């Protein structure tokens, strides 16, 4: 049985994964942000791009703070503390009328969830030996999307008349996750990995972040390549819902919710399959495959816009790209950076990713506003192809710099 490949991990891995699953089950609001701003608050596509980009820019310092917290403080308590802030924000959103305050609280909750990512990522690496990292991150990603399966569809139905309930469910789900982690994650002692592949992970306490990055320029190169993928992938939550609303009116929210659920179902099906079938494929090749499949999926959506069955075909291909990229990302970084700097480098990754995504979204929003949907999609596809080429360069250079990982 394919799922059996996840056996043998440390107990805490499974609890963290289950916590992710529970949180994701309540994630009904943030994926609907574009439609909330459009349908509920009457914003134009360009204004929505500005709002989302502004949130992204404002969150840049918080990524660095989250990374610093992961390296300096107890990672488990970081996760719980940030979760509690998110819970309060969502519960308040549930009891007040929808307004600009609600959107700010949504942003605060989402920011806290982003800030805890370096702690989640570093804690998983701490308790997992190098050769098990891909399985551990694969399982965490699988559980997250298993929780997402029904959330967007339910959120699409609640959007019109019961948005407050979606806020409340999100808060309760995150609260349940915090309780599970607080009581059940007990042993967070880092494992001792003496394998040859672990040589790049040696602790370098006392050394500055920029000193480490200067000696590992490939890390920045990789983060830029992955940020390009992430920026283009965000069109799935920006350009696609705008097109669905333009083409299908009020039904667009329900269609988009169902398409998002197909994404989550496909992740659940294909994550263990891809993990098992491609264990020997390097992280850099997986990253390039992810970017290529993203471009293919967007081409199908664009060329067959308005024909609903093709949305699901495009989404399955996008999902393949997402799975390849996500399976590569955390194992790539944690195998190549000192354990003492995992949180901060994750924070830097968050800053670069958010910054590039914000600028990219503003650019696409501007093109969409002054041109057309076709012009916006053309820009997305051109930049997507450029990032595929960047990934090809990454494959060649990484083998030269981190030779021990390719033995």
Protein backbone atom coordinates (compact mmCIF):
# COMPACT_ATOMS: atom_id res chain seq x y z
CA UNK A 1 0.00 0.00 0.00
CA UNK A 2 1.40 3.38 -1.04
CA UNK A 3 0.56 5.08 2.25
CA UNK A 4 2.78 2.56 4.08
CA UNK A 5 5.86 4.45 2.91
CA UNK A 6 5.12 7.02 5.60
CA UNK A 7 5.73 4.47 8.36
CA UNK A 8 8.74 4.77 10.63
CA UNK A 9 8.79 8.52 11.16
CA UNK A 10 9.02 9.99 14.64
CA UNK A 11 5.71 10.22 16.54
CA UNK A 12 5.87 14.02 16.65
CA UNK A 13 5.87 14.11 12.84
CA UNK A 14 2.43 12.51 12.76
CA UNK A 15 1.02 14.89 15.37
CA UNK A 16 2.31 17.96 13.52
CA UNK A 17 0.79 16.60 10.33
CA UNK A 18 -2.56 15.97 12.02
CA UNK A 19 -2.46 19.50 13.40
CA UNK A 20 -1.99 20.81 9.87
CA UNK A 21 -4.91 18.67 8.70
CA UNK A 22 -7.26 20.06 11.36
CA UNK A 23 -6.26 23.65 10.63
CA UNK A 24 -6.74 23.15 6.88
CA UNK A 25 -10.24 21.75 7.43
CA UNK A 26 -11.29 25.22 8.57
CA UNK A 27 -9.46 27.20 5.86
CA UNK A 28 -12.57 28.55 4.17
CA UNK A 29 -11.91 32.28 4.11
CA UNK A 30 -8.48 33.26 2.82
CA UNK A 31 -8.79 31.34 -0.51
CA UNK A 32 -11.97 33.37 -1.13
CA UNK A 33 -10.30 36.75 -0.51
CA UNK A 34 -10.49 37.84 -4.16
CA UNK A 35 -14.22 37.07 -4.33
CA UNK A 36 -14.91 38.68 -0.96
CA UNK A 37 -13.27 41.89 -2.15
CA UNK A 38 -15.01 41.70 -5.52
CA UNK A 39 -18.51 40.45 -4.73
CA UNK A 40 -18.98 41.63 -1.17
CA UNK A 41 -17.04 44.90 -1.26
CA UNK A 42 -17.37 45.83 -4.94
CA UNK A 43 -13.66 46.30 -5.71
CA UNK A 44 -12.27 46.25 -9.25
CA UNK A 45 -9.55 43.82 -10.37
CA UNK A 46 -6.90 46.54 -10.17
CA UNK A 47 -7.96 47.61 -6.67
CA UNK A 48 -7.92 43.99 -5.50
CA UNK A 49 -4.37 43.62 -6.83
CA UNK A 50 -3.32 46.72 -4.87
CA UNK A 51 -4.94 45.46 -1.66
CA UNK A 52 -3.37 42.01 -1.91
CA UNK A 53 0.02 43.47 -2.89
CA UNK A 54 -0.14 45.95 0.02
CA UNK A 55 -0.83 43.10 2.43
CA UNK A 56 2.10 41.21 0.96
CA UNK A 57 4.48 44.16 1.35
CA UNK A 58 3.30 44.82 4.91
CA UNK A 59 3.95 41.19 5.80
CA UNK A 60 7.60 41.31 4.65
CA UNK A 61 9.07 42.19 8.09
CA UNK A 62 6.91 39.53 9.76
CA UNK A 63 8.56 36.81 7.67
CA UNK A 64 11.94 37.79 9.09
CA UNK A 65 10.50 37.97 12.60
CA UNK A 66 8.99 34.49 12.20
CA UNK A 67 12.34 33.12 11.05
CA UNK A 68 14.20 34.75 13.94
CA UNK A 69 11.65 33.33 16.40
CA UNK A 70 12.16 29.83 14.98
CA UNK A 71 15.94 29.97 15.57
CA UNK A 72 15.81 31.67 18.97
CA UNK A 73 12.72 30.39 20.81
CA UNK A 74 10.87 27.14 21.41
CA UNK A 75 9.43 26.22 18.02
CA UNK A 76 6.43 24.39 19.46
CA UNK A 77 5.39 27.40 21.58
CA UNK A 78 5.91 29.72 18.59
CA UNK A 79 3.33 27.72 16.65
CA UNK A 80 0.82 27.69 19.50
CA UNK A 81 1.17 31.42 20.30
CA UNK A 82 0.73 32.49 16.68
CA UNK A 83 -2.21 30.13 16.25
CA UNK A 84 -3.98 31.72 19.21
CA UNK A 85 -3.71 35.18 17.64
CA UNK A 86 -5.25 33.78 14.43
CA UNK A 87 -8.10 32.25 16.41
CA UNK A 88 -8.95 35.58 18.05
CA UNK A 89 -8.86 37.41 14.69
CA UNK A 90 -11.21 34.95 12.97
CA UNK A 91 -13.67 34.82 15.88
CA UNK A 92 -13.86 38.63 15.95
CA UNK A 93 -14.48 38.62 12.17
CA UNK A 94 -17.38 36.23 12.77
CA UNK A 95 -19.16 38.59 15.19
CA UNK A 96 -18.68 41.97 13.47
CA UNK A 97 -20.18 43.17 10.16
CA UNK A 98 -17.98 42.70 7.09
CA UNK A 99 -15.88 45.82 6.62
CA UNK A 100 -12.32 47.03 6.13
CA UNK A 101 -11.67 45.98 9.74
CA UNK A 102 -12.64 42.41 8.83
CA UNK A 103 -10.15 42.39 5.96
CA UNK A 104 -7.39 43.72 8.25
CA UNK A 105 -8.15 41.00 10.81
CA UNK A 106 -8.09 38.39 8.03
CA UNK A 107 -4.68 39.70 7.03
CA UNK A 108 -3.44 39.56 10.64
CA UNK A 109 -4.62 35.95 10.98
CA UNK A 110 -3.01 34.94 7.67
CA UNK A 111 0.21 36.73 8.64
CA UNK A 112 0.43 34.76 11.89
CA UNK A 113 -0.07 31.54 9.94
CA UNK A 114 2.82 32.58 7.65
CA UNK A 115 5.01 33.56 10.61
CA UNK A 116 4.69 30.09 12.09
CA UNK A 117 5.81 28.40 8.87
CA UNK A 118 9.57 28.69 9.65
CA UNK A 119 8.93 27.08 13.06
CA UNK A 120 6.91 24.24 11.49
CA UNK A 121 9.53 23.76 8.80
CA UNK A 122 12.54 23.88 11.14
CA UNK A 123 10.88 21.68 13.78
CA UNK A 124 10.12 19.02 11.17
CA UNK A 125 13.75 19.12 10.01
CA UNK A 126 15.01 18.96 13.61
CA UNK A 127 13.15 15.74 14.37
CA UNK A 128 13.79 14.02 11.02
CA UNK A 129 17.03 12.55 9.62
CA UNK A 130 18.16 13.77 6.20
CA UNK A 131 17.11 10.68 4.25
CA UNK A 132 13.58 10.83 5.70
CA UNK A 133 12.98 14.54 5.03
CA UNK A 134 11.11 14.12 1.76
CA UNK A 135 8.74 11.58 3.31
CA UNK A 136 8.15 13.81 6.34
CA UNK A 137 7.42 16.94 4.30
CA UNK A 138 5.39 14.91 1.82
CA UNK A 139 3.16 13.61 4.62
CA UNK A 140 2.75 17.11 6.07
CA UNK A 141 1.79 18.48 2.66
CA UNK A 142 -0.57 15.54 2.09
CA UNK A 143 -2.36 16.08 5.41
CA UNK A 144 -2.70 19.81 4.81
CA UNK A 145 -4.44 19.21 1.51
CA UNK A 146 -6.52 16.38 2.92
CA UNK A 147 -7.94 18.98 5.26
CA UNK A 148 -8.46 21.38 2.37
CA UNK A 149 -10.58 18.91 0.37
CA UNK A 150 -14.00 20.18 1.42
CA UNK A 151 -13.13 23.57 2.93
CA UNK A 152 -13.10 25.68 -0.28
CA UNK A 153 -16.33 24.16 -1.62
CA UNK A 154 -18.11 24.80 1.69
CA UNK A 155 -16.60 28.29 1.72
CA UNK A 156 -17.99 28.93 -1.77
CA UNK A 157 -21.51 28.08 -0.56
CA UNK A 158 -21.14 30.12 2.65
CA UNK A 159 -19.76 33.18 0.84
CA UNK A 160 -23.12 34.58 -0.24
CA UNK A 161 -25.14 34.46 2.99
CA UNK A 162 -23.13 32.87 5.81
CA UNK A 163 -19.64 34.32 5.57
CA UNK A 164 -19.60 34.83 9.35
CA UNK A 165 -19.89 31.07 9.81
CA UNK A 166 -16.84 30.50 7.62
CA UNK A 167 -14.84 32.85 9.86
CA UNK A 168 -16.03 31.03 12.99
CA UNK A 169 -15.20 27.56 11.62
CA UNK A 170 -11.70 28.75 10.67
CA UNK A 171 -11.06 30.02 14.19
CA UNK A 172 -12.34 26.84 15.86
CA UNK A 173 -10.25 24.60 13.58
CA UNK A 174 -7.01 26.48 14.26
CA UNK A 175 -7.79 26.39 17.99
CA UNK A 176 -8.22 22.59 17.88
CA UNK A 177 -4.86 22.27 16.12
CA UNK A 178 -3.16 24.33 18.85
CA UNK A 179 -4.61 22.11 21.59
CA UNK A 180 -3.38 18.95 19.85
CA UNK A 181 0.15 20.26 19.42
CA UNK A 182 0.33 21.64 22.98
CA UNK A 183 -0.62 18.36 24.64
CA UNK A 184 0.77 15.73 22.25
CA UNK A 185 4.03 17.12 20.83
CA UNK A 186 6.40 16.45 23.73
CA UNK A 187 9.82 15.39 22.41
CA UNK A 188 11.31 18.04 20.11
CA UNK A 189 14.95 17.08 20.69
CA UNK A 190 16.84 17.38 17.36
CA UNK A 191 18.06 14.10 15.88
CA UNK A 192 21.79 13.45 15.46
CA UNK A 193 22.51 12.83 11.78
CA UNK A 194 26.11 11.84 10.99
CA UNK A 195 25.61 10.78 7.37
CA UNK A 196 27.72 12.28 4.60
CA UNK A 197 24.67 14.06 3.21
CA UNK A 198 24.25 15.92 6.48
CA UNK A 199 27.64 17.67 6.28
CA UNK A 200 26.10 20.91 5.01
CA UNK A 201 23.75 21.07 8.04
CA UNK A 202 26.42 21.52 10.72
CA UNK A 203 25.44 24.10 13.34
CA UNK A 204 27.15 27.47 12.96
CA UNK A 205 25.98 29.24 16.11
CA UNK A 206 27.28 32.78 16.47
CA UNK A 207 27.66 33.38 12.74
CA UNK A 208 25.45 35.99 11.10
CA UNK A 209 22.76 35.11 8.59
CA UNK A 210 24.36 37.10 5.77
CA UNK A 211 27.73 35.39 6.34
CA UNK A 212 26.07 32.02 5.82
CA UNK A 213 24.17 33.21 2.75
CA UNK A 214 27.31 34.71 1.17
CA UNK A 215 28.92 31.28 1.37
CA UNK A 216 25.80 29.59 -0.03
CA UNK A 217 24.78 31.74 -2.98
CA UNK A 218 22.92 28.81 -4.53
CA UNK A 219 20.37 29.09 -1.73
CA UNK A 220 19.43 32.60 -2.89
CA UNK A 221 19.37 31.37 -6.50
CA UNK A 222 17.03 28.54 -5.54
CA UNK A 223 14.77 30.82 -3.47
CA UNK A 224 14.44 33.18 -6.46
CA UNK A 225 13.50 30.27 -8.74
CA UNK A 226 10.92 28.95 -6.28
CA UNK A 227 9.57 32.46 -5.68
CA UNK A 228 8.95 32.73 -9.41
CA UNK A 229 6.92 29.53 -9.29
CA UNK A 230 4.99 30.75 -6.27
CA UNK A 231 4.26 34.16 -7.84
CA UNK A 232 2.90 32.55 -11.00
CA UNK A 233 0.97 29.96 -8.99
CA UNK A 234 -0.84 32.72 -7.11
CA UNK A 235 -2.71 33.48 -10.33
CA UNK A 236 -4.74 30.44 -9.34
CA UNK A 237 -6.15 32.51 -6.46
CA UNK A 238 -6.25 35.84 -8.33
CA UNK A 239 -6.61 35.66 -12.10
CA UNK A 240 -8.61 32.42 -12.27
CA UNK A 241 -11.38 33.55 -9.83
CA UNK A 242 -11.59 36.92 -11.63
CA UNK A 243 -12.08 35.12 -14.93
CA UNK A 244 -14.65 32.77 -13.43
CA UNK A 245 -16.63 35.69 -12.06
CA UNK A 246 -16.39 37.47 -15.43
CA UNK A 247 -17.51 34.39 -17.35
CA UNK A 248 -19.99 32.81 -14.92
CA UNK A 249 -21.28 35.66 -12.73
CA UNK A 250 -22.52 34.72 -9.24
CA UNK A 251 -21.97 31.01 -10.01
CA UNK A 252 -18.24 31.70 -10.28
CA UNK A 253 -17.72 31.35 -6.50
CA UNK A 254 -19.26 27.88 -6.39
CA UNK A 255 -17.38 26.75 -9.51
CA UNK A 256 -14.12 28.11 -8.15
CA UNK A 257 -14.71 26.41 -4.80
CA UNK A 258 -15.30 23.07 -6.50
CA UNK A 259 -12.21 23.48 -8.70
CA UNK A 260 -10.16 24.24 -5.57
CA UNK A 261 -11.50 21.10 -3.93
CA UNK A 262 -10.44 19.08 -6.99
CA UNK A 263 -6.97 20.53 -6.47
CA UNK A 264 -6.95 19.25 -2.90
CA UNK A 265 -8.31 15.82 -3.87
CA UNK A 266 -5.67 15.54 -6.59
CA UNK A 267 -2.95 16.49 -4.09
CA UNK A 268 -4.14 13.73 -1.76
CA UNK A 269 -4.07 11.19 -4.61
CA UNK A 270 -0.85 12.22 -6.34
CA UNK A 271 1.41 13.30 -3.47
CA UNK A 272 2.11 9.74 -2.22
CA UNK A 273 2.28 8.46 -5.81
CA UNK A 274 4.83 11.07 -6.92
CA UNK A 275 6.79 10.65 -3.68
CA UNK A 276 7.06 6.90 -4.28
CA UNK A 277 7.67 6.98 -8.05
CA UNK A 278 10.27 9.77 -8.11
CA UNK A 279 12.40 9.31 -4.95
CA UNK A 280 15.68 9.43 -6.86
CA UNK A 281 14.85 12.57 -8.85
CA UNK A 282 16.75 15.55 -7.43
CA UNK A 283 15.00 18.49 -5.83
CA UNK A 284 16.16 20.81 -8.61
CA UNK A 285 14.67 18.63 -11.37
CA UNK A 286 11.40 18.39 -9.44
CA UNK A 287 11.34 22.18 -9.19
CA UNK A 288 11.72 22.54 -12.96
CA UNK A 289 9.03 19.92 -13.62
CA UNK A 290 6.72 21.82 -11.29
CA UNK A 291 7.23 25.09 -13.15
CA UNK A 292 6.74 23.43 -16.55
CA UNK A 293 3.48 21.76 -15.51
CA UNK A 294 2.26 25.06 -14.08
CA UNK A 295 2.67 26.69 -17.49
CA UNK A 296 0.87 23.80 -19.21
CA UNK A 297 -2.05 24.00 -16.78
CA UNK A 298 -2.45 27.75 -17.26
CA UNK A 299 -2.37 27.35 -21.06
CA UNK A 300 -5.29 24.92 -20.87
CA UNK A 301 -7.30 27.17 -18.56
CA UNK A 302 -6.70 30.22 -20.77
CA UNK A 303 -7.42 28.59 -24.13
CA UNK A 304 -10.59 26.86 -22.89
CA UNK A 305 -11.94 29.63 -20.64
CA UNK A 306 -15.70 29.36 -20.27
CA UNK A 307 -15.76 25.58 -20.79
CA UNK A 308 -16.09 24.24 -17.27
CA UNK A 309 -14.82 20.63 -17.77
CA UNK A 310 -11.45 21.99 -18.89
CA UNK A 311 -11.08 23.87 -15.60
CA UNK A 312 -10.77 20.53 -13.83
CA UNK A 313 -8.29 19.16 -16.38
CA UNK A 314 -6.16 22.29 -16.00
CA UNK A 315 -6.38 22.03 -12.23
CA UNK A 316 -5.13 18.43 -12.17
CA UNK A 317 -2.09 19.43 -14.26
CA UNK A 318 -1.50 22.46 -12.02
CA UNK A 319 -1.68 20.09 -9.07
CA UNK A 320 1.03 17.87 -10.51
CA UNK A 321 3.23 20.94 -10.82
CA UNK A 322 2.40 22.02 -7.30
CA UNK A 323 3.23 18.58 -5.87
CA UNK A 324 6.60 18.38 -7.64
CA UNK A 325 7.58 21.85 -6.48
CA UNK A 326 6.41 21.49 -2.89
CA UNK A 327 8.06 18.07 -2.45
CA UNK A 328 11.36 19.63 -3.50
CA UNK A 329 11.32 22.89 -1.57
CA UNK A 330 11.79 22.05 2.12
CA UNK A 331 14.12 19.04 1.55
CA UNK A 332 16.27 21.21 -0.74
CA UNK A 333 16.74 23.96 1.82
CA UNK A 334 17.10 21.82 4.95
CA UNK A 335 19.78 19.62 3.34
CA UNK A 336 21.93 22.58 2.32
CA UNK A 337 21.78 25.07 5.22
CA UNK A 338 23.14 24.93 8.81
CA UNK A 339 20.56 23.67 11.29
CA UNK A 340 21.20 26.78 13.40
CA UNK A 341 19.96 29.06 10.60
CA UNK A 342 16.93 27.17 9.26
CA UNK A 343 14.36 29.56 10.68
CA UNK A 344 16.07 32.74 9.51
CA UNK A 345 16.68 31.43 6.01
CA UNK A 346 13.04 30.40 5.84
CA UNK A 347 12.24 33.97 6.86
CA UNK A 348 14.42 35.35 4.05
CA UNK A 349 12.65 32.99 1.67
CA UNK A 350 9.32 34.36 2.87
CA UNK A 351 10.46 37.95 2.28
CA UNK A 352 11.74 37.31 -1.25
CA UNK A 353 8.73 35.18 -2.13
CA UNK A 354 6.23 37.72 -0.82
CA UNK A 355 8.03 40.66 -2.40
CA UNK A 356 8.27 39.03 -5.82
CA UNK A 357 4.68 37.81 -5.63
CA UNK A 358 3.39 41.27 -4.66
CA UNK A 359 5.20 43.03 -7.51
CA UNK A 360 4.14 40.29 -9.92
CA UNK A 361 0.51 40.52 -8.88
CA UNK A 362 0.53 44.31 -9.26
CA UNK A 363 1.96 43.90 -12.76
CA UNK A 364 -0.64 41.32 -13.80
CA UNK A 365 -3.43 43.37 -12.18
CA UNK A 366 -2.28 46.46 -14.09
CA UNK A 367 -2.21 44.54 -17.38
CA UNK A 368 -5.65 43.05 -16.63
CA UNK A 369 -7.05 46.51 -15.86
CA UNK A 370 -5.71 48.38 -18.90
CA UNK A 371 -5.65 45.51 -21.37
CA UNK A 372 -7.65 42.32 -21.17
CA UNK A 373 -7.69 38.88 -19.60
CA UNK A 374 -5.83 37.53 -22.65
CA UNK A 375 -3.02 40.07 -22.21
CA UNK A 376 -2.72 39.17 -18.52
CA UNK A 377 -2.57 35.45 -19.27
CA UNK A 378 0.04 36.02 -21.99
CA UNK A 379 2.23 37.86 -19.48
CA UNK A 380 1.83 35.02 -16.96
CA UNK A 381 2.83 32.39 -19.51
CA UNK A 382 5.86 34.33 -20.78
CA UNK A 383 7.22 34.83 -17.27
CA UNK A 384 6.44 31.19 -16.46
CA UNK A 385 8.62 30.06 -19.37
CA UNK A 386 11.44 32.32 -18.17
CA UNK A 387 11.31 30.69 -14.75
CA UNK A 388 11.51 27.23 -16.38
CA UNK A 389 14.80 28.34 -17.97
CA UNK A 390 16.03 29.64 -14.60
CA UNK A 391 15.32 26.21 -13.09
CA UNK A 392 17.33 24.54 -15.86
CA UNK A 393 20.36 26.68 -14.93
CA UNK A 394 19.79 25.77 -11.27
CA UNK A 395 20.00 22.04 -12.05
CA UNK A 396 23.47 22.40 -13.58
CA UNK A 397 24.92 24.73 -10.94
CA UNK A 398 23.58 22.86 -7.89
CA UNK A 399 25.39 19.64 -8.84
CA UNK A 400 28.71 21.50 -8.82
CA UNK A 401 28.20 23.22 -5.48
CA UNK A 402 26.66 20.41 -3.40
CA UNK A 403 28.48 17.37 -4.79
CA UNK A 404 27.99 15.16 -1.71
CA UNK A 405 24.22 15.22 -2.14
CA UNK A 406 24.58 13.64 -5.59
CA UNK A 407 26.85 10.73 -4.65
